[in-house]
């Protein structure tokens, strides 16, 4: 089983590419990480010999990129002021887990 956590912007293209490759995929909406942004968790059940092909599709569809974000202001005392400066961070790409499955049934 391949579990990929991808940026929301990459999720549709990834699921389309997996379906084009005739791999069944389940997409779950998720969030987290440094920016608490929207992600998608893509789950693909494949045989051991198909794992590399699925990983190749994920590599082709999920790319890292930089994005400017405004940091959240800290809790401040009266009279203090906060000048938020945009912060450039890297988003996108994929975090992938390959897990062995002892038993699988399609009902």
N, C-alpha and C. Protein backbone atom coordinates (compact mmCIF):
# COMPACT_ATOMS: atom_id res chain seq x y z
N UNK A 1 0.85 -1.17 0.00
CA UNK A 1 0.00 0.00 0.00
C UNK A 1 0.90 1.23 0.00
N UNK A 2 0.57 2.17 -0.85
CA UNK A 2 1.29 3.43 -0.93
C UNK A 2 0.38 4.52 -0.39
N UNK A 3 0.88 5.27 0.58
CA UNK A 3 0.14 6.40 1.17
C UNK A 3 0.96 7.65 0.89
N UNK A 4 0.39 8.58 0.13
CA UNK A 4 1.09 9.81 -0.24
C UNK A 4 0.33 11.02 0.30
N UNK A 5 1.03 11.87 1.02
CA UNK A 5 0.45 13.13 1.50
C UNK A 5 0.98 14.22 0.59
N UNK A 6 0.06 14.85 -0.14
CA UNK A 6 0.46 15.82 -1.17
C UNK A 6 -0.25 17.14 -0.96
N UNK A 7 0.29 18.19 -1.55
CA UNK A 7 -0.33 19.51 -1.50
C UNK A 7 -1.64 19.47 -2.26
N UNK A 8 -2.63 20.17 -1.78
CA UNK A 8 -3.97 20.16 -2.40
C UNK A 8 -3.92 20.54 -3.88
N UNK A 9 -3.01 21.43 -4.26
CA UNK A 9 -2.91 21.84 -5.66
C UNK A 9 -2.45 20.70 -6.57
N UNK A 10 -1.72 19.72 -6.02
CA UNK A 10 -1.21 18.61 -6.81
C UNK A 10 -2.14 17.40 -6.81
N UNK A 11 -3.11 17.37 -5.92
CA UNK A 11 -3.90 16.16 -5.69
C UNK A 11 -4.74 15.75 -6.90
N UNK A 12 -5.39 16.68 -7.55
CA UNK A 12 -6.24 16.32 -8.69
C UNK A 12 -5.43 15.75 -9.85
N UNK A 13 -4.32 16.40 -10.16
CA UNK A 13 -3.47 15.90 -11.25
C UNK A 13 -2.91 14.52 -10.90
N UNK A 14 -2.58 14.32 -9.63
CA UNK A 14 -2.05 13.02 -9.22
C UNK A 14 -3.10 11.92 -9.34
N UNK A 15 -4.30 12.17 -8.84
CA UNK A 15 -5.34 11.14 -8.93
C UNK A 15 -5.70 10.86 -10.40
N UNK A 16 -5.73 11.89 -11.23
CA UNK A 16 -6.00 11.68 -12.67
C UNK A 16 -4.91 10.81 -13.30
N UNK A 17 -3.65 11.10 -12.98
CA UNK A 17 -2.53 10.32 -13.55
C UNK A 17 -2.56 8.88 -13.05
N UNK A 18 -2.91 8.68 -11.78
CA UNK A 18 -3.01 7.31 -11.26
C UNK A 18 -4.13 6.55 -11.96
N UNK A 19 -5.27 7.20 -12.16
CA UNK A 19 -6.38 6.55 -12.86
C UNK A 19 -6.03 6.26 -14.31
N UNK A 20 -5.28 7.18 -14.97
CA UNK A 20 -4.83 6.93 -16.34
C UNK A 20 -3.92 5.71 -16.40
N UNK A 21 -3.15 5.48 -15.33
CA UNK A 21 -2.28 4.31 -15.25
C UNK A 21 -3.00 3.07 -14.76
N UNK A 22 -4.32 3.18 -14.61
CA UNK A 22 -5.19 2.10 -14.16
C UNK A 22 -4.88 1.64 -12.73
N UNK A 23 -4.51 2.61 -11.88
CA UNK A 23 -4.35 2.35 -10.45
C UNK A 23 -5.53 2.96 -9.72
N UNK A 24 -6.18 2.19 -8.89
CA UNK A 24 -7.28 2.71 -8.08
C UNK A 24 -6.69 3.50 -6.93
N UNK A 25 -7.26 4.66 -6.66
CA UNK A 25 -6.75 5.52 -5.60
C UNK A 25 -7.91 6.08 -4.80
N UNK A 26 -7.67 6.25 -3.51
CA UNK A 26 -8.63 6.90 -2.63
C UNK A 26 -8.02 8.20 -2.16
N UNK A 27 -8.79 9.28 -2.26
CA UNK A 27 -8.31 10.62 -1.86
C UNK A 27 -9.05 11.04 -0.60
N UNK A 28 -8.29 11.41 0.41
CA UNK A 28 -8.84 11.94 1.66
C UNK A 28 -8.33 13.35 1.86
N UNK A 29 -9.21 14.25 2.23
CA UNK A 29 -8.79 15.62 2.53
C UNK A 29 -8.14 15.64 3.92
N UNK A 30 -7.01 16.33 4.02
CA UNK A 30 -6.30 16.41 5.29
C UNK A 30 -5.65 17.78 5.40
N UNK A 31 -5.13 18.09 6.57
CA UNK A 31 -4.42 19.35 6.75
C UNK A 31 -3.34 19.14 7.79
N UNK A 32 -2.39 20.04 7.79
CA UNK A 32 -1.32 19.92 8.77
C UNK A 32 -0.06 20.56 8.26
N UNK A 33 1.01 20.28 8.95
CA UNK A 33 2.30 20.84 8.58
C UNK A 33 2.49 22.22 9.16
N UNK A 34 3.57 22.85 8.75
CA UNK A 34 3.97 24.15 9.28
C UNK A 34 2.91 25.22 9.08
N UNK A 35 2.26 25.22 7.91
CA UNK A 35 1.30 26.28 7.58
C UNK A 35 -0.14 25.86 7.85
N UNK A 36 -0.37 24.65 8.31
CA UNK A 36 -1.72 24.13 8.56
C UNK A 36 -2.59 24.26 7.30
N UNK A 37 -1.96 24.06 6.15
CA UNK A 37 -2.69 24.21 4.89
C UNK A 37 -3.37 22.90 4.50
N UNK A 38 -4.24 23.01 3.53
CA UNK A 38 -4.98 21.86 3.03
C UNK A 38 -4.06 20.94 2.23
N UNK A 39 -4.14 19.66 2.57
CA UNK A 39 -3.41 18.62 1.86
C UNK A 39 -4.40 17.58 1.39
N UNK A 40 -3.90 16.60 0.70
CA UNK A 40 -4.70 15.42 0.37
C UNK A 40 -3.85 14.20 0.68
N UNK A 41 -4.48 13.20 1.23
CA UNK A 41 -3.82 11.92 1.46
C UNK A 41 -4.36 10.96 0.42
N UNK A 42 -3.48 10.44 -0.41
CA UNK A 42 -3.84 9.54 -1.49
C UNK A 42 -3.39 8.14 -1.09
N UNK A 43 -4.32 7.19 -1.11
CA UNK A 43 -4.02 5.81 -0.74
C UNK A 43 -4.19 4.94 -1.98
N UNK A 44 -3.16 4.16 -2.29
CA UNK A 44 -3.17 3.30 -3.48
C UNK A 44 -2.75 1.90 -3.05
N UNK A 45 -3.61 0.93 -3.30
CA UNK A 45 -3.27 -0.45 -3.03
C UNK A 45 -2.73 -1.11 -4.28
N UNK A 46 -1.46 -1.54 -4.24
CA UNK A 46 -0.83 -2.15 -5.41
C UNK A 46 0.01 -3.36 -4.99
N UNK A 47 0.33 -4.19 -5.96
CA UNK A 47 1.24 -5.31 -5.73
C UNK A 47 2.66 -4.77 -5.60
N UNK A 48 3.54 -5.56 -4.99
CA UNK A 48 4.92 -5.12 -4.75
C UNK A 48 5.62 -4.65 -6.03
N UNK A 49 5.39 -5.35 -7.14
CA UNK A 49 6.08 -4.99 -8.38
C UNK A 49 5.54 -3.71 -9.02
N UNK A 50 4.42 -3.18 -8.52
CA UNK A 50 3.84 -1.95 -9.06
C UNK A 50 4.22 -0.71 -8.25
N UNK A 51 4.87 -0.89 -7.12
CA UNK A 51 5.18 0.24 -6.23
C UNK A 51 6.04 1.28 -6.94
N UNK A 52 7.08 0.85 -7.63
CA UNK A 52 7.98 1.81 -8.29
C UNK A 52 7.26 2.62 -9.37
N UNK A 53 6.34 1.99 -10.09
CA UNK A 53 5.58 2.72 -11.11
C UNK A 53 4.70 3.79 -10.47
N UNK A 54 4.07 3.45 -9.34
CA UNK A 54 3.24 4.43 -8.62
C UNK A 54 4.11 5.57 -8.08
N UNK A 55 5.27 5.23 -7.53
CA UNK A 55 6.17 6.28 -7.02
C UNK A 55 6.62 7.20 -8.16
N UNK A 56 6.83 6.65 -9.33
CA UNK A 56 7.22 7.46 -10.48
C UNK A 56 6.12 8.45 -10.86
N UNK A 57 4.89 8.00 -10.83
CA UNK A 57 3.76 8.89 -11.12
C UNK A 57 3.69 10.00 -10.08
N UNK A 58 3.89 9.67 -8.82
CA UNK A 58 3.86 10.68 -7.76
C UNK A 58 4.97 11.69 -7.97
N UNK A 59 6.18 11.23 -8.31
CA UNK A 59 7.30 12.14 -8.57
C UNK A 59 7.00 13.08 -9.73
N UNK A 60 6.35 12.56 -10.77
CA UNK A 60 6.03 13.37 -11.95
C UNK A 60 4.98 14.44 -11.67
N UNK A 61 4.06 14.17 -10.77
CA UNK A 61 2.91 15.05 -10.55
C UNK A 61 3.05 16.00 -9.37
N UNK A 62 3.90 15.70 -8.41
CA UNK A 62 3.98 16.49 -7.17
C UNK A 62 5.32 17.21 -7.10
N UNK A 63 5.28 18.51 -7.19
CA UNK A 63 6.50 19.31 -7.24
C UNK A 63 6.54 20.31 -6.09
N UNK A 64 7.74 20.53 -5.58
CA UNK A 64 7.93 21.56 -4.56
C UNK A 64 7.98 22.92 -5.22
N UNK A 65 7.50 23.93 -4.50
CA UNK A 65 7.55 25.31 -4.99
C UNK A 65 7.60 26.23 -3.79
N UNK A 66 7.98 27.48 -4.00
CA UNK A 66 8.02 28.43 -2.90
C UNK A 66 6.76 29.28 -2.92
N UNK A 67 6.39 29.74 -1.74
CA UNK A 67 5.17 30.54 -1.59
C UNK A 67 5.43 31.59 -0.51
N UNK A 68 4.91 32.78 -0.72
CA UNK A 68 5.02 33.83 0.29
C UNK A 68 3.81 33.75 1.22
N UNK A 69 4.05 33.74 2.53
CA UNK A 69 2.97 33.73 3.52
C UNK A 69 3.23 34.82 4.54
N UNK A 70 2.15 35.30 5.11
CA UNK A 70 2.27 36.26 6.20
C UNK A 70 2.18 35.50 7.52
N UNK A 71 3.17 35.68 8.39
CA UNK A 71 3.13 34.96 9.67
C UNK A 71 2.00 35.49 10.55
N UNK A 72 1.52 34.63 11.44
CA UNK A 72 0.49 35.03 12.40
C UNK A 72 1.11 35.97 13.43
N UNK A 73 0.42 37.05 13.79
CA UNK A 73 1.00 37.96 14.79
C UNK A 73 1.04 37.29 16.16
N UNK A 74 2.10 37.55 16.92
CA UNK A 74 2.18 36.99 18.26
C UNK A 74 1.24 37.72 19.22
N UNK A 75 0.97 37.13 20.35
CA UNK A 75 0.19 37.82 21.39
C UNK A 75 1.09 38.90 21.97
N UNK A 76 0.57 40.14 21.98
CA UNK A 76 1.42 41.26 22.36
C UNK A 76 0.79 42.04 23.50
N UNK A 77 1.62 42.77 24.18
CA UNK A 77 1.19 43.66 25.25
C UNK A 77 0.68 44.96 24.66
N UNK A 78 -0.21 45.67 25.36
CA UNK A 78 -0.68 46.96 24.86
C UNK A 78 0.50 47.91 24.61
N UNK A 79 0.44 48.61 23.51
CA UNK A 79 1.49 49.56 23.16
C UNK A 79 2.54 48.97 22.25
N UNK A 80 2.62 47.66 22.13
CA UNK A 80 3.58 47.05 21.23
C UNK A 80 2.97 46.97 19.84
N UNK A 81 3.81 46.86 18.84
CA UNK A 81 3.29 46.69 17.49
C UNK A 81 4.09 45.61 16.76
N UNK A 82 3.44 45.00 15.80
CA UNK A 82 4.02 43.89 15.05
C UNK A 82 4.00 44.25 13.57
N UNK A 83 5.15 44.20 12.94
CA UNK A 83 5.25 44.47 11.51
C UNK A 83 5.44 43.13 10.79
N UNK A 84 4.36 42.59 10.24
CA UNK A 84 4.50 41.30 9.57
C UNK A 84 5.23 41.44 8.23
N UNK A 85 6.23 40.63 8.04
CA UNK A 85 6.93 40.58 6.77
C UNK A 85 6.62 39.24 6.13
N UNK A 86 6.31 39.25 4.85
CA UNK A 86 6.04 37.96 4.19
C UNK A 86 7.26 37.04 4.34
N UNK A 87 6.96 35.78 4.50
CA UNK A 87 7.98 34.77 4.70
C UNK A 87 7.90 33.79 3.53
N UNK A 88 9.03 33.51 2.90
CA UNK A 88 9.04 32.58 1.78
C UNK A 88 9.28 31.17 2.32
N UNK A 89 8.35 30.26 2.01
CA UNK A 89 8.46 28.87 2.47
C UNK A 89 8.29 27.93 1.28
N UNK A 90 8.79 26.73 1.43
CA UNK A 90 8.64 25.71 0.40
C UNK A 90 7.40 24.88 0.68
N UNK A 91 6.54 24.73 -0.31
CA UNK A 91 5.33 23.92 -0.20
C UNK A 91 5.31 22.93 -1.34
N UNK A 92 4.42 21.98 -1.25
CA UNK A 92 4.26 21.01 -2.31
C UNK A 92 5.14 19.79 -2.11
N UNK A 93 5.36 19.08 -3.19
CA UNK A 93 6.08 17.81 -3.09
C UNK A 93 5.16 16.75 -2.51
N UNK A 94 5.74 15.71 -1.98
CA UNK A 94 4.94 14.62 -1.42
C UNK A 94 5.73 13.94 -0.31
N UNK A 95 5.01 13.49 0.69
CA UNK A 95 5.56 12.61 1.70
C UNK A 95 4.90 11.26 1.48
N UNK A 96 5.70 10.23 1.23
CA UNK A 96 5.16 8.95 0.80
C UNK A 96 5.58 7.85 1.76
N UNK A 97 4.62 7.01 2.12
CA UNK A 97 4.86 5.84 2.95
C UNK A 97 4.49 4.60 2.12
N UNK A 98 5.35 3.61 2.12
CA UNK A 98 5.05 2.33 1.47
C UNK A 98 4.93 1.31 2.59
N UNK A 99 3.74 0.72 2.70
CA UNK A 99 3.44 -0.17 3.80
C UNK A 99 3.08 -1.57 3.30
N UNK A 100 3.59 -2.60 3.96
CA UNK A 100 3.17 -3.95 3.57
C UNK A 100 1.75 -4.23 4.05
N UNK A 101 1.00 -4.98 3.27
CA UNK A 101 -0.38 -5.35 3.63
C UNK A 101 -0.43 -6.87 3.70
N UNK A 102 -0.82 -7.40 4.86
CA UNK A 102 -0.90 -8.84 5.03
C UNK A 102 -2.14 -9.44 4.37
N UNK A 103 -3.21 -8.68 4.37
CA UNK A 103 -4.46 -9.21 3.82
C UNK A 103 -5.25 -8.09 3.18
N UNK A 104 -5.86 -8.40 2.06
CA UNK A 104 -6.67 -7.42 1.34
C UNK A 104 -7.91 -8.13 0.82
N UNK A 105 -9.06 -7.51 1.00
CA UNK A 105 -10.33 -8.05 0.48
C UNK A 105 -11.12 -6.91 -0.13
N UNK A 106 -11.67 -7.16 -1.29
CA UNK A 106 -12.56 -6.18 -1.91
C UNK A 106 -13.98 -6.74 -1.77
N UNK A 107 -14.83 -6.05 -1.04
CA UNK A 107 -16.18 -6.53 -0.77
C UNK A 107 -17.22 -5.76 -1.58
